[in-house]
């Protein structure tokens, strides 16, 4: 079994990227779950998703940026993405991580950079999702989001919450008072037991409770999961409460359960796929595996499922 520490070490050796991609299995894994290194490659992947009835969200890969110049490069990248969406007519919004924009340098810098993206998206009639990262930046992320939401509309900017955190139900209720469009996911970071449920059953139970709270609010939310049990629980609750299919959307990651993505779209549910791309795919991919080494088997199983 590959250890977490070994994967973290490998994630820091970006010089191994070229070497690793020489191996067929590794290359298949990365091209399956990463839509390339450029906007053009990601746009082609999104056009294909649109043809299969799915919408998308651009996700430029870069995290924990530690220089102001690099945050400026991230802003320019997202402004280019928003322009490309408008020019090509593909059906996609954008997803940002605040550590890309300098959250760990200065929260004010992150806010100002994110504001530029949201302002441009709003002008173009598009939408920005502020992703959630590790629990060490949860409150800072919510604080920046609330500032953005106070300036922009419900359909301009949204946020993500994670069901494995103890605080999430309280966060959901607090954000719904604004209100806010929320993406609910389970969470993939390796969190300490002081802040997160360690057992999958507890994470799942909390996911269902929060999902019900969100759907009952009447606000358009994203239910992000690849877990058939969570999908079934969402569909059952929506049907029982008379909540229309178009009142919410399911969300999944690019390359994971493509068969299920297409089936949900065929069944009349709104299906959005997060499409990661960028030159920093190697550390991103390895860190995702390091956070939970069991993800290695998860992605391999999903390659077989379609």
Protein backbone atom coordinates (compact mmCIF):
# COMPACT_ATOMS: atom_id res chain seq x y z
CA UNK A 1 0.00 0.00 0.00
CA UNK A 2 1.36 3.43 -0.98
CA UNK A 3 1.69 5.57 2.14
CA UNK A 4 0.40 9.10 2.54
CA UNK A 5 3.88 10.41 3.40
CA UNK A 6 5.30 8.89 0.22
CA UNK A 7 2.63 10.54 -1.92
CA UNK A 8 3.18 13.91 -0.23
CA UNK A 9 6.89 13.61 -0.92
CA UNK A 10 6.23 12.78 -4.57
CA UNK A 11 3.80 15.70 -4.87
CA UNK A 12 6.67 18.07 -4.09
CA UNK A 13 8.89 16.62 -6.81
CA UNK A 14 7.38 18.32 -9.83
CA UNK A 15 10.52 17.41 -11.73
CA UNK A 16 9.16 13.85 -11.74
CA UNK A 17 6.18 14.90 -13.85
CA UNK A 18 7.82 14.19 -17.20
CA UNK A 19 9.23 10.91 -15.93
CA UNK A 20 5.92 9.75 -14.46
CA UNK A 21 3.94 10.45 -17.63
CA UNK A 22 6.15 8.00 -19.52
CA UNK A 23 4.28 5.22 -17.73
CA UNK A 24 1.08 4.24 -19.50
CA UNK A 25 -1.09 3.74 -16.41
CA UNK A 26 -0.07 7.06 -14.82
CA UNK A 27 -0.68 8.88 -18.09
CA UNK A 28 -4.09 7.24 -18.44
CA UNK A 29 -4.99 8.26 -14.89
CA UNK A 30 -4.00 11.89 -15.34
CA UNK A 31 -5.57 12.37 -18.77
CA UNK A 32 -8.72 10.75 -17.44
CA UNK A 33 -9.09 13.20 -14.55
CA UNK A 34 -7.23 16.31 -15.78
CA UNK A 35 -8.54 18.05 -18.92
CA UNK A 36 -5.12 19.21 -20.14
CA UNK A 37 -2.77 22.10 -19.40
CA UNK A 38 -4.43 24.90 -21.39
CA UNK A 39 -7.73 26.76 -21.64
CA UNK A 40 -8.10 25.40 -25.18
CA UNK A 41 -7.86 21.78 -23.99
CA UNK A 42 -10.30 22.37 -21.14
CA UNK A 43 -12.73 24.14 -23.48
CA UNK A 44 -12.72 21.13 -25.83
CA UNK A 45 -13.49 18.83 -22.89
CA UNK A 46 -16.34 21.12 -21.83
CA UNK A 47 -17.78 21.25 -25.33
CA UNK A 48 -17.93 17.44 -25.26
CA UNK A 49 -19.63 17.49 -21.86
CA UNK A 50 -22.19 20.00 -23.17
CA UNK A 51 -22.91 17.64 -26.07
CA UNK A 52 -23.79 14.96 -23.51
CA UNK A 53 -26.22 17.22 -21.65
CA UNK A 54 -23.87 18.38 -18.89
CA UNK A 55 -22.82 21.89 -17.90
CA UNK A 56 -19.36 22.54 -16.49
CA UNK A 57 -17.10 24.64 -14.32
CA UNK A 58 -13.53 25.61 -15.24
CA UNK A 59 -11.08 24.89 -12.40
CA UNK A 60 -7.56 26.21 -13.01
CA UNK A 61 -5.18 24.14 -10.92
CA UNK A 62 -3.01 26.04 -8.50
CA UNK A 63 -3.14 26.22 -4.70
CA UNK A 64 -1.33 27.87 -1.81
CA UNK A 65 0.18 30.56 -4.01
CA UNK A 66 2.91 32.40 -2.09
CA UNK A 67 3.77 35.39 -4.29
CA UNK A 68 1.75 38.44 -5.30
CA UNK A 69 2.92 38.12 -8.90
CA UNK A 70 1.56 34.59 -9.08
CA UNK A 71 -1.82 35.68 -7.72
CA UNK A 72 -1.96 38.29 -10.49
CA UNK A 73 -1.26 35.53 -13.04
CA UNK A 74 -4.19 33.56 -11.62
CA UNK A 75 -6.50 36.56 -11.99
CA UNK A 76 -5.45 37.01 -15.62
CA UNK A 77 -6.03 33.31 -16.28
CA UNK A 78 -9.59 33.45 -14.96
CA UNK A 79 -10.36 36.65 -16.85
CA UNK A 80 -9.21 34.84 -20.00
CA UNK A 81 -11.42 31.85 -19.11
CA UNK A 82 -14.49 34.04 -18.67
CA UNK A 83 -13.81 35.73 -22.00
CA UNK A 84 -13.38 32.34 -23.69
CA UNK A 85 -16.68 31.08 -22.30
CA UNK A 86 -18.47 34.10 -23.71
CA UNK A 87 -16.68 33.93 -27.08
CA UNK A 88 -17.30 30.21 -27.65
CA UNK A 89 -20.75 29.92 -26.12
CA UNK A 90 -19.85 26.84 -24.08
CA UNK A 91 -22.04 26.25 -21.02
CA UNK A 92 -19.72 26.70 -18.07
CA UNK A 93 -19.05 28.82 -15.03
CA UNK A 94 -15.79 29.07 -13.06
CA UNK A 95 -14.51 27.71 -9.76
CA UNK A 96 -11.81 29.49 -7.73
CA UNK A 97 -9.74 28.67 -4.66
CA UNK A 98 -8.88 31.67 -2.51
CA UNK A 99 -5.39 30.36 -1.78
CA UNK A 100 -4.80 30.85 -5.52
CA UNK A 101 -5.49 34.52 -5.00
CA UNK A 102 -3.32 35.05 -1.94
CA UNK A 103 -5.45 34.04 1.05
CA UNK A 104 -2.38 32.75 2.89
CA UNK A 105 -0.47 35.93 2.06
CA UNK A 106 -3.17 38.44 3.02
CA UNK A 107 -6.97 37.88 3.10
CA UNK A 108 -7.47 41.41 1.76
CA UNK A 109 -5.37 40.54 -1.29
CA UNK A 110 -7.46 37.42 -1.86
CA UNK A 111 -10.68 39.42 -1.56
CA UNK A 112 -9.53 42.09 -4.02
CA UNK A 113 -8.37 39.48 -6.54
CA UNK A 114 -11.53 37.39 -6.21
CA UNK A 115 -13.63 40.53 -6.54
CA UNK A 116 -12.10 41.22 -9.95
CA UNK A 117 -13.20 37.78 -11.12
CA UNK A 118 -16.72 38.04 -9.72
CA UNK A 119 -17.15 41.53 -11.15
CA UNK A 120 -16.12 40.36 -14.61
CA UNK A 121 -18.31 37.26 -14.40
CA UNK A 122 -21.33 39.31 -13.30
CA UNK A 123 -20.80 41.70 -16.21
CA UNK A 124 -20.83 38.72 -18.57
CA UNK A 125 -23.83 37.06 -16.91
CA UNK A 126 -21.72 34.22 -15.53
CA UNK A 127 -21.21 32.74 -12.06
CA UNK A 128 -18.21 32.18 -9.75
CA UNK A 129 -18.04 29.38 -7.19
CA UNK A 130 -15.66 29.95 -4.27
CA UNK A 131 -14.29 26.51 -3.42
CA UNK A 132 -13.62 25.33 0.10
CA UNK A 133 -10.17 24.06 1.06
CA UNK A 134 -8.70 22.77 4.33
CA UNK A 135 -10.30 23.55 7.68
CA UNK A 136 -7.43 25.95 8.50
CA UNK A 137 -8.94 28.42 5.98
CA UNK A 138 -12.66 27.61 6.31
CA UNK A 139 -13.58 30.71 8.28
CA UNK A 140 -11.36 33.00 6.22
CA UNK A 141 -12.97 31.64 3.04
CA UNK A 142 -16.47 32.25 4.39
CA UNK A 143 -15.51 35.75 5.50
CA UNK A 144 -14.25 36.68 2.02
CA UNK A 145 -17.31 35.11 0.41
CA UNK A 146 -19.67 37.11 2.61
CA UNK A 147 -17.97 40.32 1.52
CA UNK A 148 -18.37 39.33 -2.11
CA UNK A 149 -21.99 38.28 -1.64
CA UNK A 150 -22.77 41.62 0.02
CA UNK A 151 -21.63 43.37 -3.16
CA UNK A 152 -22.91 40.99 -5.81
CA UNK A 153 -26.08 39.06 -6.51
CA UNK A 154 -27.23 35.58 -5.57
CA UNK A 155 -26.55 34.39 -9.13
CA UNK A 156 -23.11 36.00 -9.33
CA UNK A 157 -21.18 34.17 -6.62
CA UNK A 158 -21.59 31.05 -4.47
CA UNK A 159 -19.64 28.96 -1.99
CA UNK A 160 -18.85 25.36 -0.99
CA UNK A 161 -19.36 23.59 2.34
CA UNK A 162 -18.13 20.14 3.39
CA UNK A 163 -20.23 17.59 5.27
CA UNK A 164 -17.31 16.03 7.13
CA UNK A 165 -16.80 19.15 9.25
CA UNK A 166 -18.71 19.41 12.54
CA UNK A 167 -19.44 23.09 11.86
CA UNK A 168 -21.10 22.60 8.48
CA UNK A 169 -24.77 22.56 9.48
CA UNK A 170 -24.33 25.81 11.38
CA UNK A 171 -22.49 27.29 8.40
CA UNK A 172 -25.27 26.18 6.04
CA UNK A 173 -27.98 27.79 8.13
CA UNK A 174 -25.96 30.97 8.52
CA UNK A 175 -25.27 31.22 4.77
CA UNK A 176 -28.90 30.53 3.88
CA UNK A 177 -29.93 33.62 5.82
CA UNK A 178 -28.05 35.85 3.32
CA UNK A 179 -29.07 33.81 1.16
CA UNK A 180 -26.30 32.05 -0.74
CA UNK A 181 -26.03 29.44 -3.44
CA UNK A 182 -24.15 26.54 -1.87
CA UNK A 183 -22.31 23.55 -3.24
CA UNK A 184 -22.40 20.64 -0.78
CA UNK A 185 -19.63 18.05 -0.92
CA UNK A 186 -18.26 15.54 1.55
CA UNK A 187 -14.72 16.97 1.67
CA UNK A 188 -11.42 15.36 0.69
CA UNK A 189 -8.77 16.92 2.93
CA UNK A 190 -7.10 14.98 5.70
CA UNK A 191 -8.67 16.66 8.75
CA UNK A 192 -8.04 16.06 12.47
CA UNK A 193 -10.79 14.41 14.55
CA UNK A 194 -11.22 17.63 16.53
CA UNK A 195 -12.93 19.30 13.56
CA UNK A 196 -14.24 16.52 11.31
CA UNK A 197 -16.18 13.28 11.53
CA UNK A 198 -13.68 10.42 11.22
CA UNK A 199 -16.27 7.79 10.28
CA UNK A 200 -17.79 7.64 6.78
CA UNK A 201 -21.25 6.87 8.16
CA UNK A 202 -21.26 10.09 10.18
CA UNK A 203 -20.07 12.09 7.17
CA UNK A 204 -22.83 10.56 5.05
CA UNK A 205 -25.50 11.15 7.69
CA UNK A 206 -24.49 14.78 7.98
CA UNK A 207 -24.44 15.09 4.18
CA UNK A 208 -28.06 13.97 4.00
CA UNK A 209 -29.14 16.31 6.80
CA UNK A 210 -27.45 19.32 5.20
CA UNK A 211 -28.71 18.37 1.72
CA UNK A 212 -32.28 18.38 3.02
CA UNK A 213 -31.75 21.77 4.65
CA UNK A 214 -30.42 23.19 1.39
CA UNK A 215 -33.09 21.80 -0.93
CA UNK A 216 -35.89 22.88 1.42
CA UNK A 217 -34.60 26.48 1.30
CA UNK A 218 -35.85 27.11 -2.22
CA UNK A 219 -32.43 28.45 -3.31
CA UNK A 220 -30.66 26.83 -6.27
CA UNK A 221 -27.86 24.65 -4.87
CA UNK A 222 -25.30 22.13 -6.12
CA UNK A 223 -25.34 18.61 -4.66
CA UNK A 224 -21.82 17.37 -5.32
CA UNK A 225 -21.25 13.64 -4.90
CA UNK A 226 -20.26 10.49 -6.76
CA UNK A 227 -21.87 8.31 -4.09
CA UNK A 228 -24.99 6.56 -5.45
CA UNK A 229 -26.46 6.44 -1.92
CA UNK A 230 -26.23 10.21 -1.56
CA UNK A 231 -27.68 10.68 -5.05
CA UNK A 232 -30.58 8.35 -4.26
CA UNK A 233 -31.21 10.13 -0.95
CA UNK A 234 -31.31 13.48 -2.77
CA UNK A 235 -33.71 12.25 -5.45
CA UNK A 236 -35.98 10.61 -2.87
CA UNK A 237 -36.14 13.75 -0.73
CA UNK A 238 -36.80 15.99 -3.73
CA UNK A 239 -39.59 13.76 -4.97
CA UNK A 240 -41.15 13.47 -1.51
CA UNK A 241 -41.09 17.23 -1.00
CA UNK A 242 -42.24 18.07 -4.52
CA UNK A 243 -38.96 19.80 -5.40
CA UNK A 244 -38.56 20.07 -9.18
CA UNK A 245 -35.55 18.58 -11.00
CA UNK A 246 -34.59 22.03 -12.27
CA UNK A 247 -34.55 23.50 -8.74
CA UNK A 248 -31.05 22.12 -8.02
CA UNK A 249 -28.14 20.43 -9.78
CA UNK A 250 -25.90 17.45 -9.22
CA UNK A 251 -22.16 18.02 -9.53
CA UNK A 252 -19.25 15.64 -10.13
CA UNK A 253 -15.57 15.77 -11.00
CA UNK A 254 -14.30 15.37 -14.53
CA UNK A 255 -13.66 11.72 -15.40
CA UNK A 256 -15.39 10.23 -12.36
CA UNK A 257 -18.50 8.13 -12.99
CA UNK A 258 -19.03 9.39 -16.52
CA UNK A 259 -21.75 6.77 -16.89
CA UNK A 260 -23.65 8.20 -13.91
CA UNK A 261 -23.17 11.77 -15.10
CA UNK A 262 -24.71 10.96 -18.47
CA UNK A 263 -27.53 8.93 -16.93
CA UNK A 264 -28.57 11.71 -14.55
CA UNK A 265 -28.60 14.18 -17.46
CA UNK A 266 -30.74 11.77 -19.50
CA UNK A 267 -33.11 11.44 -16.57
CA UNK A 268 -33.72 15.18 -16.68
CA UNK A 269 -31.51 16.26 -13.77
CA UNK A 270 -29.13 19.16 -14.12
CA UNK A 271 -25.58 17.85 -14.10
CA UNK A 272 -22.47 20.05 -13.74
CA UNK A 273 -18.95 18.67 -14.11
CA UNK A 274 -15.91 20.34 -12.56
CA UNK A 275 -13.13 20.40 -15.15
CA UNK A 276 -9.60 20.82 -13.70
CA UNK A 277 -6.79 21.90 -16.01
CA UNK A 278 -3.43 23.63 -15.85
CA UNK A 279 0.32 23.11 -15.72
CA UNK A 280 0.19 22.47 -11.98
CA UNK A 281 -1.76 19.24 -12.47
CA UNK A 282 1.03 17.02 -11.13
CA UNK A 283 1.20 18.36 -7.55
CA UNK A 284 -2.60 18.70 -7.53
CA UNK A 285 -3.11 15.11 -8.63
CA UNK A 286 -0.56 13.68 -6.20
CA UNK A 287 -1.87 15.75 -3.28
CA UNK A 288 -5.39 14.54 -3.96
CA UNK A 289 -4.12 10.99 -3.69
CA UNK A 290 -2.04 11.85 -0.61
CA UNK A 291 -5.01 13.30 1.25
CA UNK A 292 -6.59 9.86 1.14
CA UNK A 293 -4.38 7.10 -0.30
CA UNK A 294 -7.55 5.01 -0.75
CA UNK A 295 -8.34 7.45 -3.57
CA UNK A 296 -5.87 5.48 -5.71
CA UNK A 297 -8.24 2.54 -5.70
CA UNK A 298 -11.23 4.85 -6.05
CA UNK A 299 -9.94 6.32 -9.31
CA UNK A 300 -8.87 2.93 -10.64
CA UNK A 301 -12.33 1.51 -9.96
CA UNK A 302 -13.92 4.46 -11.70
CA UNK A 303 -11.77 3.92 -14.79
CA UNK A 304 -13.39 0.51 -15.05
CA UNK A 305 -16.92 1.84 -14.45
CA UNK A 306 -16.78 4.26 -17.34
